[in-house]
Amino acid sequence: MQWACAMKTATIPSLRVAPELREAAEDVLLEGETLSGFVEAALRAQIGQRQMQQEFIARGLASREKARSTGRYVSAEAALERLQAQLDKAKTRKP
C-alpha cells in the first residue's frame, strides 16, 4: 500500500520511552535522518509486515478450507521435500 504525501497529515500519539531506547534510536540514525522520520519508517514497516502476516494467514485458512472441501491434502513430508528442492535449486543459482 502506498501513502500519498499530498493528503492532509495527521499525528501519531506521543510515545514515551526509556531514555536508553531514545538514545539507541538516535545512535542508528542515518546522516540527515530525523528521529521522526525514523519512527515513521518503522511504523510503515510494521504496518506492511502485519498486512503480509494477515494475508499469509488468510491464504493458509483458505487452503485449509479447500483441502477440507476437496479431501485432497499434501503430507508434511511431501511439502518439506518440495521446499528442500526449491532451496537446493536456489543454492545452485548463487555463487
PDB file of N, CA and C in Angstrom:
ATOM      1  N   MET A   1       0.839  -1.175   0.000  1.00  0.00           N
ATOM      2  CA  MET A   1       0.000   0.000   0.000  1.00  0.00           C
ATOM      3  C   MET A   1       0.880   1.233   0.000  1.00  0.00           C
ATOM      4  N   GLN A   2       0.571   2.190  -0.831  1.00  0.00           N
ATOM      5  CA  GLN A   2       1.294   3.446  -0.916  1.00  0.00           C
ATOM      6  C   GLN A   2       0.548   4.529  -0.163  1.00  0.00           C
ATOM      7  N   TRP A   3       1.283   5.415   0.473  1.00  0.00           N
ATOM      8  CA  TRP A   3       0.668   6.540   1.156  1.00  0.00           C
ATOM      9  C   TRP A   3       1.008   7.792   0.382  1.00  0.00           C
ATOM     10  N   ALA A   4      -0.010   8.554   0.061  1.00  0.00           N
ATOM     11  CA  ALA A   4       0.193   9.776  -0.713  1.00  0.00           C
ATOM     12  C   ALA A   4       0.617  10.903   0.217  1.00  0.00           C
ATOM     13  N   CYS A   5       1.575  11.695  -0.241  1.00  0.00           N
ATOM     14  CA  CYS A   5       2.049  12.804   0.568  1.00  0.00           C
ATOM     15  C   CYS A   5       1.197  14.046   0.366  1.00  0.00           C
ATOM     16  N   ALA A   6       0.358  14.089  -0.666  1.00  0.00           N
ATOM     17  CA  ALA A   6      -0.450  15.264  -0.951  1.00  0.00           C
ATOM     18  C   ALA A   6      -1.666  15.350  -0.032  1.00  0.00           C
ATOM     19  N   MET A   7      -1.949  14.296   0.685  1.00  0.00           N
ATOM     20  CA  MET A   7      -3.096  14.285   1.575  1.00  0.00           C
ATOM     21  C   MET A   7      -2.800  15.111   2.821  1.00  0.00           C
ATOM     22  N   LYS A   8      -3.861  15.486   3.519  1.00  0.00           N
ATOM     23  CA  LYS A   8      -3.663  16.137   4.812  1.00  0.00           C
ATOM     24  C   LYS A   8      -2.885  15.188   5.707  1.00  0.00           C
ATOM     25  N   THR A   9      -2.107  15.766   6.600  1.00  0.00           N
ATOM     26  CA  THR A   9      -1.346  14.917   7.515  1.00  0.00           C
ATOM     27  C   THR A   9      -2.088  14.782   8.834  1.00  0.00           C
ATOM     28  N   ALA A  10      -1.738  13.761   9.551  1.00  0.00           N
ATOM     29  CA  ALA A  10      -2.294  13.519  10.877  1.00  0.00           C
ATOM     30  C   ALA A  10      -1.131  13.225  11.805  1.00  0.00           C
ATOM     31  N   THR A  11      -1.373  13.258  13.075  1.00  0.00           N
ATOM     32  CA  THR A  11      -0.310  12.971  14.027  1.00  0.00           C
ATOM     33  C   THR A  11      -0.539  11.618  14.687  1.00  0.00           C
ATOM     34  N   ILE A  12       0.564  11.040  15.122  1.00  0.00           N
ATOM     35  CA  ILE A  12       0.547   9.810  15.898  1.00  0.00           C
ATOM     36  C   ILE A  12       0.701  10.244  17.358  1.00  0.00           C
ATOM     37  N   PRO A  13       0.027   9.592  18.269  1.00  0.00           N
ATOM     38  CA  PRO A  13       0.167   9.986  19.677  1.00  0.00           C
ATOM     39  C   PRO A  13       1.626   9.985  20.131  1.00  0.00           C
ATOM     40  N   SER A  14       1.935  10.875  21.053  1.00  0.00           N
ATOM     41  CA  SER A  14       3.284  10.929  21.618  1.00  0.00           C
ATOM     42  C   SER A  14       3.649   9.571  22.191  1.00  0.00           C
ATOM     43  N   LEU A  15       4.910   9.269  22.126  1.00  0.00           N
ATOM     44  CA  LEU A  15       5.381   7.972  22.581  1.00  0.00           C
ATOM     45  C   LEU A  15       6.415   8.183  23.677  1.00  0.00           C
ATOM     46  N   ARG A  16       6.110   7.747  24.859  1.00  0.00           N
ATOM     47  CA  ARG A  16       7.068   7.851  25.966  1.00  0.00           C
ATOM     48  C   ARG A  16       7.907   6.573  25.979  1.00  0.00           C
ATOM     49  N   VAL A  17       9.218   6.761  25.989  1.00  0.00           N
ATOM     50  CA  VAL A  17      10.137   5.621  26.004  1.00  0.00           C
ATOM     51  C   VAL A  17      11.233   5.878  27.023  1.00  0.00           C
ATOM     52  N   ALA A  18      11.916   4.816  27.385  1.00  0.00           N
ATOM     53  CA  ALA A  18      13.063   4.936  28.282  1.00  0.00           C
ATOM     54  C   ALA A  18      14.154   5.735  27.566  1.00  0.00           C
ATOM     55  N   PRO A  19      14.894   6.536  28.302  1.00  0.00           N
ATOM     56  CA  PRO A  19      15.974   7.317  27.683  1.00  0.00           C
ATOM     57  C   PRO A  19      16.946   6.444  26.889  1.00  0.00           C
ATOM     58  N   GLU A  20      17.178   5.222  27.361  1.00  0.00           N
ATOM     59  CA  GLU A  20      18.108   4.326  26.663  1.00  0.00           C
ATOM     60  C   GLU A  20      17.588   3.959  25.274  1.00  0.00           C
ATOM     61  N   LEU A  21      16.267   3.788  25.148  1.00  0.00           N
ATOM     62  CA  LEU A  21      15.693   3.449  23.850  1.00  0.00           C
ATOM     63  C   LEU A  21      15.813   4.631  22.888  1.00  0.00           C
ATOM     64  N   ARG A  22      15.528   5.820  23.377  1.00  0.00           N
ATOM     65  CA  ARG A  22      15.670   7.011  22.529  1.00  0.00           C
ATOM     66  C   ARG A  22      17.120   7.165  22.078  1.00  0.00           C
ATOM     67  N   GLU A  23      18.045   6.976  22.997  1.00  0.00           N
ATOM     68  CA  GLU A  23      19.464   7.105  22.659  1.00  0.00           C
ATOM     69  C   GLU A  23      19.878   6.056  21.630  1.00  0.00           C
ATOM     70  N   ALA A  24      19.390   4.831  21.796  1.00  0.00           N
ATOM     71  CA  ALA A  24      19.709   3.767  20.841  1.00  0.00           C
ATOM     72  C   ALA A  24      19.171   4.120  19.458  1.00  0.00           C
ATOM     73  N   ALA A  25      17.961   4.683  19.413  1.00  0.00           N
ATOM     74  CA  ALA A  25      17.380   5.083  18.130  1.00  0.00           C
ATOM     75  C   ALA A  25      18.202   6.200  17.502  1.00  0.00           C
ATOM     76  N   GLU A  26      18.579   7.170  18.294  1.00  0.00           N
ATOM     77  CA  GLU A  26      19.372   8.281  17.775  1.00  0.00           C
ATOM     78  C   GLU A  26      20.734   7.814  17.278  1.00  0.00           C
ATOM     79  N   ASP A  27      21.290   6.805  17.941  1.00  0.00           N
ATOM     80  CA  ASP A  27      22.605   6.283  17.558  1.00  0.00           C
ATOM     81  C   ASP A  27      22.601   5.604  16.190  1.00  0.00           C
ATOM     82  N   VAL A  28      21.451   5.129  15.729  1.00  0.00           N
ATOM     83  CA  VAL A  28      21.412   4.421  14.452  1.00  0.00           C
ATOM     84  C   VAL A  28      20.836   5.264  13.317  1.00  0.00           C
ATOM     85  N   LEU A  29      20.540   6.523  13.584  1.00  0.00           N
ATOM     86  CA  LEU A  29      20.022   7.385  12.528  1.00  0.00           C
ATOM     87  C   LEU A  29      21.062   7.553  11.423  1.00  0.00           C
ATOM     88  N   LEU A  30      20.590   7.556  10.196  1.00  0.00           N
ATOM     89  CA  LEU A  30      21.466   7.801   9.062  1.00  0.00           C
ATOM     90  C   LEU A  30      21.708   9.300   8.935  1.00  0.00           C
ATOM     91  N   GLU A  31      22.720   9.664   8.199  1.00  0.00           N
ATOM     92  CA  GLU A  31      23.020  11.083   8.014  1.00  0.00           C
ATOM     93  C   GLU A  31      21.815  11.793   7.406  1.00  0.00           C
ATOM     94  N   GLY A  32      21.386  12.868   8.051  1.00  0.00           N
ATOM     95  CA  GLY A  32      20.251  13.643   7.575  1.00  0.00           C
ATOM     96  C   GLY A  32      18.901  13.097   7.990  1.00  0.00           C
ATOM     97  N   GLU A  33      18.876  11.937   8.616  1.00  0.00           N
ATOM     98  CA  GLU A  33      17.616  11.329   9.038  1.00  0.00           C
ATOM     99  C   GLU A  33      17.206  11.900  10.391  1.00  0.00           C
ATOM    100  N   THR A  34      15.925  12.150  10.537  1.00  0.00           N
ATOM    101  CA  THR A  34      15.408  12.638  11.810  1.00  0.00           C
ATOM    102  C   THR A  34      14.804  11.500  12.604  1.00  0.00           C
ATOM    103  N   LEU A  35      14.666  11.722  13.886  1.00  0.00           N
ATOM    104  CA  LEU A  35      14.028  10.716  14.728  1.00  0.00           C
ATOM    105  C   LEU A  35      12.579  10.517  14.294  1.00  0.00           C
ATOM    106  N   SER A  36      11.906  11.601  13.928  1.00  0.00           N
ATOM    107  CA  SER A  36      10.526  11.488  13.444  1.00  0.00           C
ATOM    108  C   SER A  36      10.464  10.656  12.169  1.00  0.00           C
ATOM    109  N   GLY A  37      11.399  10.886  11.258  1.00  0.00           N
ATOM    110  CA  GLY A  37      11.441  10.104  10.020  1.00  0.00           C
ATOM    111  C   GLY A  37      11.712   8.640  10.288  1.00  0.00           C
ATOM    112  N   PHE A  38      12.588   8.384  11.257  1.00  0.00           N
ATOM    113  CA  PHE A  38      12.900   7.013  11.632  1.00  0.00           C
ATOM    114  C   PHE A  38      11.668   6.312  12.199  1.00  0.00           C
ATOM    115  N   VAL A  39      10.957   7.004  13.081  1.00  0.00           N
ATOM    116  CA  VAL A  39       9.758   6.433  13.686  1.00  0.00           C
ATOM    117  C   VAL A  39       8.695   6.192  12.622  1.00  0.00           C
ATOM    118  N   GLU A  40       8.541   7.122  11.686  1.00  0.00           N
ATOM    119  CA  GLU A  40       7.562   6.939  10.606  1.00  0.00           C
ATOM    120  C   GLU A  40       7.927   5.730   9.748  1.00  0.00           C
ATOM    121  N   ALA A  41       9.215   5.591   9.411  1.00  0.00           N
ATOM    122  CA  ALA A  41       9.655   4.454   8.600  1.00  0.00           C
ATOM    123  C   ALA A  41       9.405   3.142   9.339  1.00  0.00           C
ATOM    124  N   ALA A  42       9.664   3.135  10.652  1.00  0.00           N
ATOM    125  CA  ALA A  42       9.426   1.922  11.450  1.00  0.00           C
ATOM    126  C   ALA A  42       7.939   1.592  11.487  1.00  0.00           C
ATOM    127  N   LEU A  43       7.112   2.608  11.608  1.00  0.00           N
ATOM    128  CA  LEU A  43       5.663   2.400  11.621  1.00  0.00           C
ATOM    129  C   LEU A  43       5.189   1.833  10.287  1.00  0.00           C
ATOM    130  N   ARG A  44       5.666   2.400   9.180  1.00  0.00           N
ATOM    131  CA  ARG A  44       5.304   1.888   7.854  1.00  0.00           C
ATOM    132  C   ARG A  44       5.738   0.436   7.687  1.00  0.00           C
ATOM    133  N   ALA A  45       6.963   0.135   8.130  1.00  0.00           N
ATOM    134  CA  ALA A  45       7.479  -1.231   8.002  1.00  0.00           C
ATOM    135  C   ALA A  45       6.640  -2.208   8.817  1.00  0.00           C
ATOM    136  N   GLN A  46       6.267  -1.819  10.007  1.00  0.00           N
ATOM    137  CA  GLN A  46       5.465  -2.698  10.866  1.00  0.00           C
ATOM    138  C   GLN A  46       4.062  -2.896  10.297  1.00  0.00           C
ATOM    139  N   ILE A  47       3.496  -1.835   9.736  1.00  0.00           N
ATOM    140  CA  ILE A  47       2.182  -1.969   9.093  1.00  0.00           C
ATOM    141  C   ILE A  47       2.275  -2.951   7.932  1.00  0.00           C
ATOM    142  N   GLY A  48       3.300  -2.793   7.099  1.00  0.00           N
ATOM    143  CA  GLY A  48       3.487  -3.711   5.972  1.00  0.00           C
ATOM    144  C   GLY A  48       3.667  -5.143   6.421  1.00  0.00           C
ATOM    145  N   GLN A  49       4.444  -5.340   7.470  1.00  0.00           N
ATOM    146  CA  GLN A  49       4.672  -6.694   7.977  1.00  0.00           C
ATOM    147  C   GLN A  49       3.371  -7.306   8.496  1.00  0.00           C
ATOM    148  N   ARG A  50       2.600  -6.530   9.211  1.00  0.00           N
ATOM    149  CA  ARG A  50       1.336  -7.066   9.747  1.00  0.00           C
ATOM    150  C   ARG A  50       0.339  -7.356   8.632  1.00  0.00           C
ATOM    151  N   GLN A  51       0.327  -6.518   7.598  1.00  0.00           N
ATOM    152  CA  GLN A  51      -0.566  -6.783   6.463  1.00  0.00           C
ATOM    153  C   GLN A  51      -0.170  -8.078   5.768  1.00  0.00           C
ATOM    154  N   MET A  52       1.136  -8.266   5.568  1.00  0.00           N
ATOM    155  CA  MET A  52       1.594  -9.514   4.950  1.00  0.00           C
ATOM    156  C   MET A  52       1.255 -10.714   5.821  1.00  0.00           C
ATOM    157  N   GLN A  53       1.375 -10.567   7.131  1.00  0.00           N
ATOM    158  CA  GLN A  53       1.043 -11.649   8.047  1.00  0.00           C
ATOM    159  C   GLN A  53      -0.440 -11.994   7.962  1.00  0.00           C
ATOM    160  N   GLN A  54      -1.290 -10.974   7.919  1.00  0.00           N
ATOM    161  CA  GLN A  54      -2.734 -11.206   7.802  1.00  0.00           C
ATOM    162  C   GLN A  54      -3.063 -11.915   6.488  1.00  0.00           C
ATOM    163  N   GLU A  55      -2.411 -11.495   5.390  1.00  0.00           N
ATOM    164  CA  GLU A  55      -2.644 -12.127   4.091  1.00  0.00           C
ATOM    165  C   GLU A  55      -2.168 -13.571   4.102  1.00  0.00           C
ATOM    166  N   PHE A  56      -1.027 -13.822   4.745  1.00  0.00           N
ATOM    167  CA  PHE A  56      -0.488 -15.178   4.848  1.00  0.00           C
ATOM    168  C   PHE A  56      -1.468 -16.082   5.595  1.00  0.00           C
ATOM    169  N   ILE A  57      -1.993 -15.589   6.703  1.00  0.00           N
ATOM    170  CA  ILE A  57      -2.950 -16.375   7.490  1.00  0.00           C
ATOM    171  C   ILE A  57      -4.217 -16.622   6.685  1.00  0.00           C
ATOM    172  N   ALA A  58      -4.680 -15.593   5.964  1.00  0.00           N
ATOM    173  CA  ALA A  58      -5.891 -15.755   5.147  1.00  0.00           C
ATOM    174  C   ALA A  58      -5.668 -16.823   4.068  1.00  0.00           C
ATOM    175  N   ARG A  59      -4.480 -16.811   3.429  1.00  0.00           N
ATOM    176  CA  ARG A  59      -4.193 -17.831   2.408  1.00  0.00           C
ATOM    177  C   ARG A  59      -4.145 -19.216   3.032  1.00  0.00           C
ATOM    178  N   GLY A  60      -3.565 -19.325   4.216  1.00  0.00           N
ATOM    179  CA  GLY A  60      -3.496 -20.618   4.900  1.00  0.00           C
ATOM    180  C   GLY A  60      -4.869 -21.145   5.254  1.00  0.00           C
ATOM    181  N   LEU A  61      -5.724 -20.264   5.763  1.00  0.00           N
ATOM    182  CA  LEU A  61      -7.081 -20.689   6.108  1.00  0.00           C
ATOM    183  C   LEU A  61      -7.875 -21.082   4.863  1.00  0.00           C
ATOM    184  N   ALA A  62      -7.689 -20.332   3.767  1.00  0.00           N
ATOM    185  CA  ALA A  62      -8.378 -20.670   2.520  1.00  0.00           C
ATOM    186  C   ALA A  62      -7.890 -22.020   1.997  1.00  0.00           C
ATOM    187  N   SER A  63      -6.583 -22.261   2.118  1.00  0.00           N
ATOM    188  CA  SER A  63      -6.022 -23.537   1.688  1.00  0.00           C
ATOM    189  C   SER A  63      -6.577 -24.679   2.526  1.00  0.00           C
ATOM    190  N   ARG A  64      -6.687 -24.442   3.817  1.00  0.00           N
ATOM    191  CA  ARG A  64      -7.250 -25.466   4.698  1.00  0.00           C
ATOM    192  C   ARG A  64      -8.686 -25.789   4.302  1.00  0.00           C
ATOM    193  N   GLU A  65      -9.471 -24.764   4.030  1.00  0.00           N
ATOM    194  CA  GLU A  65     -10.863 -24.979   3.640  1.00  0.00           C
ATOM    195  C   GLU A  65     -10.959 -25.715   2.306  1.00  0.00           C
ATOM    196  N   LYS A  66     -10.064 -25.371   1.371  1.00  0.00           N
ATOM    197  CA  LYS A  66     -10.064 -26.058   0.077  1.00  0.00           C
ATOM    198  C   LYS A  66      -9.730 -27.537   0.269  1.00  0.00           C
ATOM    199  N   ALA A  67      -8.737 -27.804   1.102  1.00  0.00           N
ATOM    200  CA  ALA A  67      -8.361 -29.200   1.358  1.00  0.00           C
ATOM    201  C   ALA A  67      -9.519 -29.959   2.005  1.00  0.00           C
ATOM    202  N   ARG A  68     -10.180 -29.326   2.936  1.00  0.00           N
ATOM    203  CA  ARG A  68     -11.311 -29.983   3.597  1.00  0.00           C
ATOM    204  C   ARG A  68     -12.447 -30.262   2.615  1.00  0.00           C
ATOM    205  N   SER A  69     -12.704 -29.310   1.731  1.00  0.00           N
ATOM    206  CA  SER A  69     -13.830 -29.490   0.808  1.00  0.00           C
ATOM    207  C   SER A  69     -13.517 -30.480  -0.304  1.00  0.00           C
ATOM    208  N   THR A  70     -12.240 -30.562  -0.710  1.00  0.00           N
ATOM    209  CA  THR A  70     -11.883 -31.480  -1.795  1.00  0.00           C
ATOM    210  C   THR A  70     -11.399 -32.830  -1.277  1.00  0.00           C
ATOM    211  N   GLY A  71     -10.965 -32.843  -0.011  1.00  0.00           N
ATOM    212  CA  GLY A  71     -10.394 -34.075   0.543  1.00  0.00           C
ATOM    213  C   GLY A  71      -8.976 -34.324   0.071  1.00  0.00           C
ATOM    214  N   ARG A  72      -8.392 -33.351  -0.623  1.00  0.00           N
ATOM    215  CA  ARG A  72      -7.020 -33.507  -1.121  1.00  0.00           C
ATOM    216  C   ARG A  72      -6.062 -32.770  -0.188  1.00  0.00           C
ATOM    217  N   TYR A  73      -5.161 -33.532   0.403  1.00  0.00           N
ATOM    218  CA  TYR A  73      -4.175 -32.974   1.319  1.00  0.00           C
ATOM    219  C   TYR A  73      -2.781 -33.296   0.818  1.00  0.00           C
ATOM    220  N   VAL A  74      -1.815 -32.499   1.242  1.00  0.00           N
ATOM    221  CA  VAL A  74      -0.404 -32.759   0.943  1.00  0.00           C
ATOM    222  C   VAL A  74       0.248 -33.116   2.268  1.00  0.00           C
ATOM    223  N   SER A  75       0.982 -34.219   2.285  1.00  0.00           N
ATOM    224  CA  SER A  75       1.631 -34.634   3.526  1.00  0.00           C
ATOM    225  C   SER A  75       2.756 -33.660   3.874  1.00  0.00           C
ATOM    226  N   ALA A  76       3.070 -33.608   5.154  1.00  0.00           N
ATOM    227  CA  ALA A  76       4.173 -32.757   5.598  1.00  0.00           C
ATOM    228  C   ALA A  76       5.469 -33.183   4.924  1.00  0.00           C
ATOM    229  N   GLU A  77       5.662 -34.483   4.766  1.00  0.00           N
ATOM    230  CA  GLU A  77       6.864 -34.995   4.104  1.00  0.00           C
ATOM    231  C   GLU A  77       6.974 -34.478   2.677  1.00  0.00           C
ATOM    232  N   ALA A  78       5.882 -34.535   1.933  1.00  0.00           N
ATOM    233  CA  ALA A  78       5.889 -34.072   0.545  1.00  0.00           C
ATOM    234  C   ALA A  78       6.141 -32.565   0.482  1.00  0.00           C
ATOM    235  N   ALA A  79       5.547 -31.822   1.389  1.00  0.00           N
ATOM    236  CA  ALA A  79       5.743 -30.374   1.405  1.00  0.00           C
ATOM    237  C   ALA A  79       7.204 -30.045   1.709  1.00  0.00           C
ATOM    238  N   LEU A  80       7.786 -30.740   2.684  1.00  0.00           N
ATOM    239  CA  LEU A  80       9.192 -30.498   3.027  1.00  0.00           C
ATOM    240  C   LEU A  80      10.117 -30.884   1.886  1.00  0.00           C
ATOM    241  N   GLU A  81       9.791 -31.951   1.174  1.00  0.00           N
ATOM    242  CA  GLU A  81      10.607 -32.351   0.023  1.00  0.00           C
ATOM    243  C   GLU A  81      10.577 -31.266  -1.053  1.00  0.00           C
ATOM    244  N   ARG A  82       9.396 -30.700  -1.305  1.00  0.00           N
ATOM    245  CA  ARG A  82       9.291 -29.623  -2.296  1.00  0.00           C
ATOM    246  C   ARG A  82      10.075 -28.392  -1.863  1.00  0.00           C
ATOM    247  N   LEU A  83       9.977 -28.053  -0.597  1.00  0.00           N
ATOM    248  CA  LEU A  83      10.722 -26.899  -0.089  1.00  0.00           C
ATOM    249  C   LEU A  83      12.226 -27.133  -0.178  1.00  0.00           C
ATOM    250  N   GLN A  84      12.661 -28.340   0.143  1.00  0.00           N
ATOM    251  CA  GLN A  84      14.086 -28.656   0.050  1.00  0.00           C
ATOM    252  C   GLN A  84      14.565 -28.564  -1.389  1.00  0.00           C
ATOM    253  N   ALA A  85      13.754 -29.024  -2.329  1.00  0.00           N
ATOM    254  CA  ALA A  85      14.118 -28.946  -3.746  1.00  0.00           C
ATOM    255  C   ALA A  85      14.245 -27.486  -4.185  1.00  0.00           C
ATOM    256  N   GLN A  86      13.327 -26.642  -3.721  1.00  0.00           N
ATOM    257  CA  GLN A  86      13.408 -25.220  -4.045  1.00  0.00           C
ATOM    258  C   GLN A  86      14.669 -24.600  -3.453  1.00  0.00           C
ATOM    259  N   LEU A  87      14.994 -24.957  -2.229  1.00  0.00           N
ATOM    260  CA  LEU A  87      16.193 -24.441  -1.583  1.00  0.00           C
ATOM    261  C   LEU A  87      17.442 -24.898  -2.322  1.00  0.00           C
ATOM    262  N   ASP A  88      17.495 -26.172  -2.687  1.00  0.00           N
ATOM    263  CA  ASP A  88      18.649 -26.696  -3.428  1.00  0.00           C
ATOM    264  C   ASP A  88      18.818 -25.969  -4.756  1.00  0.00           C
ATOM    265  N   LYS A  89      17.715 -25.718  -5.438  1.00  0.00           N
ATOM    266  CA  LYS A  89      17.762 -25.018  -6.718  1.00  0.00           C
ATOM    267  C   LYS A  89      18.258 -23.582  -6.525  1.00  0.00           C
ATOM    268  N   ALA A  90      17.790 -22.926  -5.497  1.00  0.00           N
ATOM    269  CA  ALA A  90      18.213 -21.560  -5.230  1.00  0.00           C
ATOM    270  C   ALA A  90      19.697 -21.494  -4.890  1.00  0.00           C
ATOM    271  N   LYS A  91      20.197 -22.481  -4.164  1.00  0.00           N
ATOM    272  CA  LYS A  91      21.604 -22.501  -3.794  1.00  0.00           C
ATOM    273  C   LYS A  91      22.514 -22.669  -5.005  1.00  0.00           C
ATOM    274  N   THR A  92      22.052 -23.414  -6.015  1.00  0.00           N
ATOM    275  CA  THR A  92      22.884 -23.621  -7.196  1.00  0.00           C
ATOM    276  C   THR A  92      22.951 -22.353  -8.065  1.00  0.00           C
ATOM    277  N   ARG A  93      21.992 -21.459  -7.931  1.00  0.00           N
ATOM    278  CA  ARG A  93      21.980 -20.215  -8.694  1.00  0.00           C
ATOM    279  C   ARG A  93      22.913 -19.170  -8.101  1.00  0.00           C
ATOM    280  N   LYS A  94      23.198 -19.248  -6.810  1.00  0.00           N
ATOM    281  CA  LYS A  94      24.035 -18.237  -6.154  1.00  0.00           C
ATOM    282  C   LYS A  94      25.467 -18.744  -6.047  1.00  0.00           C
ATOM    283  N   PRO A  95      26.428 -17.826  -6.262  1.00  0.00           N
ATOM    284  CA  PRO A  95      27.847 -18.243  -6.175  1.00  0.00           C
ATOM    285  C   PRO A  95      28.265 -18.583  -4.768  1.00  0.00           C
TER     286      PRO A  95
END
